[in-house]
Amino acid sequence: MAGLTKKDLKEVFIESLEPFAEAIQKDFDRIDRKIAVEGMRIDNRLAKLDFDVQEVKKDVKWMRDHTSELFKKLDDIIAMYKKQEQEMAILNMQYKRLEERVAKLEGRGK
């Protein structure tokens, strides 16, 4: 062992660790490729999500812009319904009066 130099020990150490280092480097390369692929997938998902959010924002903006118009139309429908209820009540009263009149007139004829 006296004949071994630092250089010899270094070469033995490098030769024994080199396959291990190469294997680790291959693993790192494989992990890097996988991370790159996953990163692209995530980027695509984020882009789609961003597009979806933009579409939702457009829809929400449209709804906000048209809310007053929608409520005005709803108020008009409610007003028409109330007016129809009043008209039906008046017509019902007139119908009852006409029935009473017809009944009286039919009673006189007997």
Protein backbone atom coordinates (compact mmCIF):
# COMPACT_ATOMS: atom_id res chain seq x y z
CA MET A 1 0.00 0.00 0.00
CA ALA A 2 2.98 2.20 0.38
CA GLY A 3 3.22 2.48 -3.39
CA LEU A 4 -0.20 4.20 -3.76
CA THR A 5 -0.14 7.90 -4.37
CA LYS A 6 -2.82 10.46 -3.98
CA LYS A 7 -3.20 10.43 -7.74
CA ASP A 8 -3.78 6.66 -7.72
CA LEU A 9 -6.39 6.97 -4.96
CA LYS A 10 -8.09 9.76 -6.84
CA GLU A 11 -8.29 7.69 -10.03
CA VAL A 12 -9.66 4.66 -8.15
CA PHE A 13 -12.20 6.86 -6.40
CA ILE A 14 -13.28 8.51 -9.68
CA GLU A 15 -13.47 5.18 -11.51
CA SER A 16 -15.67 3.68 -8.81
CA LEU A 17 -17.97 6.71 -8.53
CA GLU A 18 -18.24 7.55 -12.23
CA PRO A 19 -20.95 4.94 -13.04
CA PHE A 20 -22.92 6.08 -10.02
CA ALA A 21 -22.60 9.73 -11.08
CA GLU A 22 -23.66 8.85 -14.64
CA ALA A 23 -26.71 6.99 -13.33
CA ILE A 24 -27.66 9.94 -11.16
CA GLN A 25 -27.17 12.32 -14.10
CA LYS A 26 -29.46 10.16 -16.26
CA ASP A 27 -32.08 10.22 -13.50
CA PHE A 28 -31.78 14.00 -13.28
CA ASP A 29 -32.12 14.30 -17.07
CA ARG A 30 -35.23 12.09 -17.00
CA ILE A 31 -36.69 14.15 -14.16
CA ASP A 32 -35.90 17.37 -16.05
CA ARG A 33 -37.72 16.08 -19.14
CA LYS A 34 -40.70 15.01 -17.05
CA ILE A 35 -40.81 18.38 -15.30
CA ALA A 36 -40.67 20.13 -18.69
CA VAL A 37 -43.56 18.03 -20.01
CA GLU A 38 -45.61 18.58 -16.86
CA GLY A 39 -44.77 22.29 -17.01
CA MET A 40 -46.15 22.45 -20.56
CA ARG A 41 -49.30 20.64 -19.46
CA ILE A 42 -49.74 23.04 -16.56
CA ASP A 43 -49.15 26.01 -18.88
CA ASN A 44 -51.82 24.68 -21.26
CA ARG A 45 -54.25 24.16 -18.40
CA LEU A 46 -53.58 27.66 -17.09
CA ALA A 47 -54.08 29.13 -20.56
CA LYS A 48 -57.40 27.30 -20.89
CA LEU A 49 -58.41 28.36 -17.40
CA ASP A 50 -57.49 31.95 -18.20
CA PHE A 51 -59.57 31.78 -21.37
CA ASP A 52 -62.51 30.32 -19.41
CA VAL A 53 -62.22 33.05 -16.77
CA GLN A 54 -62.18 35.72 -19.49
CA GLU A 55 -65.36 34.23 -20.98
CA VAL A 56 -67.05 34.21 -17.57
CA LYS A 57 -65.99 37.82 -17.03
CA LYS A 58 -67.56 38.77 -20.38
CA ASP A 59 -70.79 37.02 -19.41
CA VAL A 60 -70.86 38.68 -15.98
CA LYS A 61 -70.21 42.08 -17.57
CA TRP A 62 -73.04 41.50 -20.04
CA MET A 63 -75.38 40.51 -17.22
CA ARG A 64 -74.41 43.60 -15.21
CA ASP A 65 -74.92 45.83 -18.23
CA HIS A 66 -78.34 44.34 -18.93
CA THR A 67 -79.60 43.85 -15.38
CA SER A 68 -81.52 47.12 -15.30
CA GLU A 69 -83.18 46.25 -18.60
CA LEU A 70 -84.13 42.83 -17.27
CA PHE A 71 -85.58 44.29 -14.06
CA LYS A 72 -87.51 46.90 -16.06
CA LYS A 73 -89.07 44.15 -18.18
CA LEU A 74 -89.84 42.15 -15.07
CA ASP A 75 -91.51 45.22 -13.51
CA ASP A 76 -93.56 45.66 -16.71
CA ILE A 77 -94.70 42.03 -16.55
CA ILE A 78 -95.67 42.41 -12.88
CA ALA A 79 -97.58 45.61 -13.69
CA MET A 80 -99.42 43.87 -16.55
CA TYR A 81 -100.29 40.97 -14.24
CA LYS A 82 -101.69 43.34 -11.59
CA LYS A 83 -103.66 45.22 -14.23
CA GLN A 84 -105.05 41.92 -15.53
CA GLU A 85 -106.05 40.93 -12.00
CA GLN A 86 -107.92 44.24 -11.60
CA GLU A 87 -109.60 43.84 -14.97
CA MET A 88 -110.64 40.29 -14.11
CA ALA A 89 -112.11 41.48 -10.80
CA ILE A 90 -114.08 44.23 -12.58
CA LEU A 91 -115.28 41.80 -15.28
CA ASN A 92 -116.28 39.32 -12.58
CA MET A 93 -118.35 42.00 -10.84
CA GLN A 94 -120.02 42.99 -14.14
CA TYR A 95 -120.71 39.33 -14.90
CA LYS A 96 -122.40 38.86 -11.53
CA ARG A 97 -124.53 42.00 -12.06
CA LEU A 98 -125.55 40.76 -15.50
CA GLU A 99 -126.47 37.35 -14.06
CA GLU A 100 -128.58 39.06 -11.40
CA ARG A 101 -130.29 41.19 -14.05
CA VAL A 102 -130.96 38.19 -16.26
CA ALA A 103 -132.32 36.30 -13.26
CA LYS A 104 -134.65 39.23 -12.43
CA LEU A 105 -135.80 39.55 -16.02
CA GLU A 106 -136.45 35.82 -16.27
CA GLY A 107 -138.40 35.98 -13.02
CA ARG A 108 -140.72 38.72 -14.38
CA GLY A 109 -141.49 36.74 -17.47
CA LYS A 110 -143.05 33.88 -15.52
